[in-house]
Amino acid sequence: MNFSHLANKLRYKITKFSGILSKGLDKTARRFIQEAIYGIIDSQSVMLTEIGRQLESRVSLKKIEERFSRQLIKPEIWNHVQKSILSLASERVKERSLLIFDLSDLKKKYAEKMEYLATVRDGSKDGELVDGYWTN
């Protein structure tokens, strides 16, 4: 197996996908989306420092993290990406498609004053009521 060819093909697909998601955004936003997608896939993390480490840039990790933070606070990026993803996904949903909704929870055993903390039913412990977050 030619790993170099596989890596180039994957990089191309990420670039193509990020281009579709970021179409219509400014250059810095497009670059951020491409680098974020690549970094998340490569690092298997959503932490900015972990994503930045995967970029293999000569720019310091601190500067990369600051640049990512500036992009993350732009609401127009998230609105645009959300609309793009919904548009792409809506083409795949047909009249007979099954949409399965899985309501789950995250238990926060030691949390006392976290934002949006709620009472959830812990599915792994006989349905005990605990502090945590609802997830989908």
N, C-alpha and C. Protein backbone atom coordinates (compact mmCIF):
# COMPACT_ATOMS: atom_id res chain seq x y z
N MET A 1 0.85 -1.18 0.00
CA MET A 1 0.00 0.00 0.00
C MET A 1 0.89 1.24 0.00
N ASN A 2 0.58 2.17 -0.85
CA ASN A 2 1.35 3.40 -0.96
C ASN A 2 0.74 4.46 -0.02
N PHE A 3 1.36 4.62 1.14
CA PHE A 3 0.81 5.55 2.15
C PHE A 3 0.90 7.00 1.70
N SER A 4 1.91 7.33 0.92
CA SER A 4 2.05 8.70 0.42
C SER A 4 0.88 9.05 -0.49
N HIS A 5 0.52 8.12 -1.36
CA HIS A 5 -0.61 8.34 -2.26
C HIS A 5 -1.91 8.46 -1.47
N LEU A 6 -2.07 7.59 -0.48
CA LEU A 6 -3.27 7.61 0.37
C LEU A 6 -3.37 8.93 1.14
N ALA A 7 -2.24 9.40 1.68
CA ALA A 7 -2.22 10.66 2.43
C ALA A 7 -2.58 11.84 1.52
N ASN A 8 -2.04 11.84 0.31
CA ASN A 8 -2.36 12.92 -0.64
C ASN A 8 -3.83 12.90 -1.03
N LYS A 9 -4.36 11.71 -1.22
CA LYS A 9 -5.78 11.58 -1.57
C LYS A 9 -6.67 12.09 -0.44
N LEU A 10 -6.31 11.74 0.79
CA LEU A 10 -7.07 12.20 1.95
C LEU A 10 -6.99 13.71 2.08
N ARG A 11 -5.81 14.26 1.93
CA ARG A 11 -5.61 15.72 2.00
C ARG A 11 -6.47 16.42 0.93
N TYR A 12 -6.51 15.85 -0.28
CA TYR A 12 -7.32 16.41 -1.36
C TYR A 12 -8.81 16.40 -0.99
N LYS A 13 -9.28 15.27 -0.43
CA LYS A 13 -10.70 15.18 -0.06
C LYS A 13 -11.06 16.16 1.06
N ILE A 14 -10.16 16.35 2.01
CA ILE A 14 -10.39 17.31 3.08
C ILE A 14 -10.46 18.72 2.50
N THR A 15 -9.54 19.03 1.59
CA THR A 15 -9.53 20.35 0.96
C THR A 15 -10.81 20.58 0.16
N LYS A 16 -11.25 19.57 -0.57
CA LYS A 16 -12.48 19.69 -1.36
C LYS A 16 -13.69 19.91 -0.45
N PHE A 17 -13.80 19.09 0.62
CA PHE A 17 -14.91 19.21 1.55
C PHE A 17 -14.91 20.57 2.25
N SER A 18 -13.74 21.00 2.73
CA SER A 18 -13.68 22.30 3.41
C SER A 18 -14.00 23.44 2.45
N GLY A 19 -13.64 23.27 1.18
CA GLY A 19 -13.97 24.28 0.18
C GLY A 19 -15.47 24.41 -0.02
N ILE A 20 -16.17 23.28 0.01
CA ILE A 20 -17.63 23.29 -0.12
C ILE A 20 -18.25 23.97 1.09
N LEU A 21 -17.76 23.63 2.29
CA LEU A 21 -18.31 24.21 3.52
C LEU A 21 -18.07 25.70 3.61
N SER A 22 -16.91 26.15 3.14
CA SER A 22 -16.53 27.55 3.36
C SER A 22 -16.75 28.44 2.14
N LYS A 23 -17.41 27.92 1.12
CA LYS A 23 -17.67 28.71 -0.09
C LYS A 23 -18.43 29.98 0.27
N GLY A 24 -17.89 31.12 -0.13
CA GLY A 24 -18.52 32.41 0.16
C GLY A 24 -17.95 33.13 1.37
N LEU A 25 -17.06 32.48 2.11
CA LEU A 25 -16.43 33.12 3.26
C LEU A 25 -15.10 33.75 2.84
N ASP A 26 -14.56 34.61 3.69
CA ASP A 26 -13.28 35.25 3.37
C ASP A 26 -12.13 34.24 3.46
N LYS A 27 -10.97 34.65 2.97
CA LYS A 27 -9.80 33.77 2.86
C LYS A 27 -9.37 33.20 4.21
N THR A 28 -9.36 34.03 5.25
CA THR A 28 -8.91 33.55 6.56
C THR A 28 -9.88 32.52 7.14
N ALA A 29 -11.16 32.72 6.91
CA ALA A 29 -12.16 31.76 7.40
C ALA A 29 -12.04 30.44 6.65
N ARG A 30 -11.82 30.51 5.33
CA ARG A 30 -11.66 29.28 4.54
C ARG A 30 -10.43 28.50 5.01
N ARG A 31 -9.34 29.21 5.26
CA ARG A 31 -8.11 28.56 5.73
C ARG A 31 -8.34 27.92 7.10
N PHE A 32 -9.02 28.65 7.99
CA PHE A 32 -9.31 28.12 9.32
C PHE A 32 -10.12 26.83 9.25
N ILE A 33 -11.16 26.82 8.43
CA ILE A 33 -12.02 25.64 8.32
C ILE A 33 -11.22 24.45 7.79
N GLN A 34 -10.39 24.68 6.79
CA GLN A 34 -9.59 23.59 6.24
C GLN A 34 -8.61 23.05 7.29
N GLU A 35 -7.90 23.95 7.95
CA GLU A 35 -6.93 23.51 8.96
C GLU A 35 -7.61 22.85 10.16
N ALA A 36 -8.77 23.36 10.55
CA ALA A 36 -9.49 22.78 11.68
C ALA A 36 -9.96 21.36 11.36
N ILE A 37 -10.51 21.16 10.18
CA ILE A 37 -10.97 19.82 9.80
C ILE A 37 -9.79 18.85 9.77
N TYR A 38 -8.70 19.25 9.13
CA TYR A 38 -7.52 18.40 9.07
C TYR A 38 -6.98 18.10 10.47
N GLY A 39 -6.87 19.14 11.30
CA GLY A 39 -6.33 18.97 12.65
C GLY A 39 -7.19 18.10 13.53
N ILE A 40 -8.50 18.24 13.43
CA ILE A 40 -9.42 17.41 14.23
C ILE A 40 -9.30 15.95 13.81
N ILE A 41 -9.26 15.70 12.51
CA ILE A 41 -9.14 14.32 12.03
C ILE A 41 -7.81 13.72 12.46
N ASP A 42 -6.73 14.48 12.28
CA ASP A 42 -5.39 13.95 12.57
C ASP A 42 -5.13 13.77 14.07
N SER A 43 -5.57 14.74 14.87
CA SER A 43 -5.30 14.67 16.31
C SER A 43 -6.37 13.91 17.08
N GLN A 44 -7.54 13.72 16.46
CA GLN A 44 -8.70 13.11 17.11
C GLN A 44 -9.08 13.87 18.37
N SER A 45 -8.95 15.19 18.29
CA SER A 45 -9.25 16.07 19.42
C SER A 45 -9.81 17.38 18.89
N VAL A 46 -10.59 18.07 19.71
CA VAL A 46 -11.09 19.39 19.33
C VAL A 46 -10.37 20.50 20.09
N MET A 47 -9.33 20.14 20.84
CA MET A 47 -8.56 21.14 21.57
C MET A 47 -7.66 21.89 20.58
N LEU A 48 -7.66 23.22 20.68
CA LEU A 48 -6.93 24.04 19.72
C LEU A 48 -5.44 23.72 19.68
N THR A 49 -4.84 23.46 20.83
CA THR A 49 -3.41 23.15 20.85
C THR A 49 -3.13 21.83 20.14
N GLU A 50 -4.00 20.85 20.33
CA GLU A 50 -3.81 19.56 19.65
C GLU A 50 -3.99 19.70 18.15
N ILE A 51 -4.98 20.49 17.73
CA ILE A 51 -5.20 20.73 16.31
C ILE A 51 -3.99 21.44 15.72
N GLY A 52 -3.51 22.46 16.42
CA GLY A 52 -2.36 23.25 15.95
C GLY A 52 -1.10 22.42 15.81
N ARG A 53 -0.89 21.46 16.68
CA ARG A 53 0.31 20.60 16.60
C ARG A 53 0.34 19.78 15.32
N GLN A 54 -0.82 19.45 14.81
CA GLN A 54 -0.89 18.61 13.61
C GLN A 54 -0.59 19.38 12.33
N LEU A 55 -0.58 20.70 12.39
CA LEU A 55 -0.40 21.51 11.18
C LEU A 55 1.04 21.58 10.70
N GLU A 56 1.98 21.22 11.54
CA GLU A 56 3.40 21.22 11.19
C GLU A 56 3.82 22.55 10.56
N SER A 57 3.49 23.62 11.23
CA SER A 57 3.80 24.97 10.76
C SER A 57 5.03 25.51 11.47
N ARG A 58 5.69 26.46 10.81
CA ARG A 58 6.83 27.13 11.45
C ARG A 58 6.35 28.21 12.42
N VAL A 59 5.08 28.54 12.35
CA VAL A 59 4.49 29.53 13.25
C VAL A 59 4.35 28.89 14.63
N SER A 60 4.56 29.66 15.67
CA SER A 60 4.49 29.11 17.03
C SER A 60 3.07 28.62 17.34
N LEU A 61 3.01 27.62 18.17
CA LEU A 61 1.73 27.03 18.57
C LEU A 61 0.84 28.08 19.24
N LYS A 62 1.42 28.97 20.00
CA LYS A 62 0.66 30.04 20.67
C LYS A 62 -0.03 30.94 19.65
N LYS A 63 0.68 31.29 18.58
CA LYS A 63 0.10 32.16 17.54
C LYS A 63 -0.99 31.44 16.76
N ILE A 64 -0.79 30.15 16.51
CA ILE A 64 -1.82 29.37 15.82
C ILE A 64 -3.09 29.31 16.68
N GLU A 65 -2.92 29.07 17.97
CA GLU A 65 -4.06 29.02 18.88
C GLU A 65 -4.78 30.37 18.94
N GLU A 66 -4.04 31.48 18.95
CA GLU A 66 -4.65 32.81 18.96
C GLU A 66 -5.43 33.05 17.67
N ARG A 67 -4.86 32.63 16.53
CA ARG A 67 -5.54 32.81 15.24
C ARG A 67 -6.82 31.99 15.20
N PHE A 68 -6.76 30.75 15.67
CA PHE A 68 -7.96 29.91 15.72
C PHE A 68 -9.01 30.52 16.63
N SER A 69 -8.59 31.05 17.76
CA SER A 69 -9.54 31.67 18.71
C SER A 69 -10.25 32.86 18.08
N ARG A 70 -9.51 33.67 17.32
CA ARG A 70 -10.13 34.82 16.63
C ARG A 70 -11.19 34.35 15.64
N GLN A 71 -10.91 33.27 14.95
CA GLN A 71 -11.88 32.76 13.97
C GLN A 71 -13.11 32.15 14.66
N LEU A 72 -12.88 31.50 15.79
CA LEU A 72 -13.98 30.84 16.49
C LEU A 72 -15.03 31.80 17.03
N ILE A 73 -14.65 33.05 17.29
CA ILE A 73 -15.63 33.99 17.83
C ILE A 73 -16.45 34.69 16.75
N LYS A 74 -16.15 34.40 15.48
CA LYS A 74 -16.91 35.02 14.39
C LYS A 74 -18.21 34.24 14.17
N PRO A 75 -19.36 34.84 14.52
CA PRO A 75 -20.62 34.10 14.38
C PRO A 75 -20.97 33.78 12.92
N GLU A 76 -20.52 34.60 11.99
CA GLU A 76 -20.88 34.36 10.58
C GLU A 76 -20.27 33.06 10.06
N ILE A 77 -19.13 32.65 10.60
CA ILE A 77 -18.52 31.39 10.18
C ILE A 77 -19.43 30.23 10.55
N TRP A 78 -19.88 30.20 11.81
CA TRP A 78 -20.67 29.07 12.27
C TRP A 78 -22.03 29.03 11.60
N ASN A 79 -22.64 30.18 11.38
CA ASN A 79 -23.92 30.21 10.68
C ASN A 79 -23.76 29.67 9.26
N HIS A 80 -22.70 30.08 8.60
CA HIS A 80 -22.44 29.65 7.23
C HIS A 80 -22.16 28.14 7.16
N VAL A 81 -21.31 27.65 8.06
CA VAL A 81 -20.96 26.22 8.08
C VAL A 81 -22.19 25.38 8.39
N GLN A 82 -22.99 25.84 9.34
CA GLN A 82 -24.20 25.10 9.70
C GLN A 82 -25.15 24.99 8.49
N LYS A 83 -25.36 26.10 7.80
CA LYS A 83 -26.23 26.08 6.62
C LYS A 83 -25.66 25.17 5.53
N SER A 84 -24.35 25.20 5.35
CA SER A 84 -23.72 24.35 4.34
C SER A 84 -23.89 22.87 4.67
N ILE A 85 -23.67 22.51 5.92
CA ILE A 85 -23.80 21.10 6.33
C ILE A 85 -25.25 20.64 6.20
N LEU A 86 -26.19 21.47 6.62
CA LEU A 86 -27.60 21.10 6.49
C LEU A 86 -28.00 20.95 5.03
N SER A 87 -27.47 21.80 4.18
CA SER A 87 -27.77 21.71 2.75
C SER A 87 -27.22 20.41 2.17
N LEU A 88 -25.98 20.06 2.53
CA LEU A 88 -25.38 18.81 2.05
C LEU A 88 -26.15 17.60 2.57
N ALA A 89 -26.52 17.63 3.84
CA ALA A 89 -27.21 16.49 4.46
C ALA A 89 -28.63 16.34 3.92
N SER A 90 -29.29 17.45 3.63
CA SER A 90 -30.69 17.39 3.18
C SER A 90 -30.81 16.66 1.84
N GLU A 91 -29.75 16.67 1.04
CA GLU A 91 -29.79 15.96 -0.24
C GLU A 91 -29.81 14.44 -0.03
N ARG A 92 -29.32 13.98 1.12
CA ARG A 92 -29.24 12.54 1.38
C ARG A 92 -30.48 12.00 2.10
N VAL A 93 -31.30 12.89 2.65
CA VAL A 93 -32.49 12.44 3.37
C VAL A 93 -33.64 12.33 2.38
N LYS A 94 -34.17 11.12 2.28
CA LYS A 94 -35.27 10.84 1.36
C LYS A 94 -36.54 10.59 2.16
N GLU A 95 -37.65 10.40 1.45
CA GLU A 95 -38.93 10.21 2.11
C GLU A 95 -38.93 8.97 3.01
N ARG A 96 -38.20 7.93 2.63
CA ARG A 96 -38.20 6.69 3.41
C ARG A 96 -36.96 6.57 4.30
N SER A 97 -36.21 7.64 4.46
CA SER A 97 -35.02 7.60 5.33
C SER A 97 -35.43 7.52 6.79
N LEU A 98 -34.65 6.77 7.55
CA LEU A 98 -34.87 6.69 8.98
C LEU A 98 -33.97 7.71 9.68
N LEU A 99 -34.55 8.54 10.50
CA LEU A 99 -33.78 9.47 11.31
C LEU A 99 -33.89 8.99 12.75
N ILE A 100 -32.77 8.56 13.30
CA ILE A 100 -32.76 7.99 14.64
C ILE A 100 -32.15 9.01 15.58
N PHE A 101 -32.89 9.36 16.62
CA PHE A 101 -32.49 10.36 17.59
C PHE A 101 -32.11 9.65 18.88
N ASP A 102 -30.87 9.83 19.32
CA ASP A 102 -30.38 9.17 20.52
C ASP A 102 -30.14 10.20 21.61
N LEU A 103 -31.05 10.27 22.56
CA LEU A 103 -30.89 11.18 23.68
C LEU A 103 -30.02 10.50 24.73
N SER A 104 -28.93 11.12 25.08
CA SER A 104 -28.00 10.52 26.02
C SER A 104 -27.63 11.55 27.08
N ASP A 105 -26.66 11.20 27.92
CA ASP A 105 -26.27 12.12 28.98
C ASP A 105 -24.78 12.01 29.27
N LEU A 106 -24.25 13.06 29.84
CA LEU A 106 -22.89 13.07 30.36
C LEU A 106 -22.97 13.36 31.85
N LYS A 107 -22.48 12.45 32.65
CA LYS A 107 -22.52 12.62 34.09
C LYS A 107 -21.34 13.49 34.53
N LYS A 108 -21.61 14.49 35.34
CA LYS A 108 -20.57 15.35 35.91
C LYS A 108 -20.60 15.16 37.42
N LYS A 109 -19.87 14.17 37.89
CA LYS A 109 -19.93 13.73 39.28
C LYS A 109 -19.57 14.83 40.27
N TYR A 110 -18.54 15.61 39.98
CA TYR A 110 -18.05 16.60 40.93
C TYR A 110 -18.46 18.04 40.61
N ALA A 111 -19.27 18.22 39.59
CA ALA A 111 -19.67 19.57 39.18
C ALA A 111 -20.67 20.16 40.17
N GLU A 112 -20.49 21.45 40.46
CA GLU A 112 -21.44 22.13 41.33
C GLU A 112 -22.04 23.37 40.67
N LYS A 113 -21.20 24.15 39.98
CA LYS A 113 -21.68 25.41 39.42
C LYS A 113 -21.26 25.57 37.96
N MET A 114 -21.47 24.56 37.16
CA MET A 114 -21.14 24.66 35.74
C MET A 114 -22.34 25.20 34.98
N GLU A 115 -22.05 25.97 33.93
CA GLU A 115 -23.12 26.57 33.13
C GLU A 115 -23.97 25.48 32.49
N TYR A 116 -25.29 25.65 32.54
CA TYR A 116 -26.28 24.75 31.95
C TYR A 116 -26.30 23.35 32.57
N LEU A 117 -25.76 23.18 33.75
CA LEU A 117 -25.79 21.90 34.44
C LEU A 117 -27.24 21.53 34.72
N ALA A 118 -27.60 20.27 34.47
CA ALA A 118 -28.98 19.83 34.64
C ALA A 118 -29.02 18.49 35.37
N THR A 119 -30.20 18.10 35.76
CA THR A 119 -30.39 16.78 36.34
C THR A 119 -30.65 15.81 35.19
N VAL A 120 -29.85 14.75 35.13
CA VAL A 120 -29.98 13.75 34.07
C VAL A 120 -30.12 12.37 34.69
N ARG A 121 -30.68 11.45 33.94
CA ARG A 121 -30.81 10.07 34.40
C ARG A 121 -29.61 9.29 33.89
N ASP A 122 -28.77 8.83 34.81
CA ASP A 122 -27.56 8.11 34.46
C ASP A 122 -27.91 6.71 33.95
N GLY A 123 -27.80 6.51 32.66
CA GLY A 123 -28.17 5.24 32.04
C GLY A 123 -27.28 4.08 32.43
N SER A 124 -26.07 4.37 32.90
CA SER A 124 -25.16 3.28 33.26
C SER A 124 -25.30 2.85 34.72
N LYS A 125 -26.12 3.54 35.50
CA LYS A 125 -26.28 3.18 36.93
C LYS A 125 -27.75 3.12 37.32
N ASP A 126 -28.47 2.19 36.77
CA ASP A 126 -29.87 1.94 37.16
C ASP A 126 -30.75 3.18 37.10
N GLY A 127 -30.46 4.12 36.23
CA GLY A 127 -31.31 5.29 36.08
C GLY A 127 -31.23 6.29 37.21
N GLU A 128 -30.15 6.26 37.97
CA GLU A 128 -29.96 7.20 39.08
C GLU A 128 -29.95 8.64 38.56
N LEU A 129 -30.58 9.57 39.28
CA LEU A 129 -30.58 10.98 38.90
C LEU A 129 -29.31 11.64 39.40
N VAL A 130 -28.56 12.27 38.47
CA VAL A 130 -27.27 12.89 38.79
C VAL A 130 -27.16 14.22 38.07
N ASP A 131 -26.15 15.02 38.44
CA ASP A 131 -25.86 16.26 37.71
C ASP A 131 -25.09 15.95 36.45
N GLY A 132 -25.44 16.66 35.37
CA GLY A 132 -24.75 16.41 34.10
C GLY A 132 -25.34 17.22 32.97
N TYR A 133 -25.14 16.74 31.76
CA TYR A 133 -25.61 17.42 30.54
C TYR A 133 -26.33 16.42 29.65
N TRP A 134 -27.39 16.89 28.98
CA TRP A 134 -28.07 16.10 27.96
C TRP A 134 -27.27 16.22 26.69
N THR A 135 -27.18 15.14 25.94
CA THR A 135 -26.51 15.14 24.64
C THR A 135 -27.40 14.45 23.61
N ASN A 136 -27.10 14.70 22.35
CA ASN A 136 -27.81 14.04 21.25
C ASN A 136 -26.82 13.26 20.43
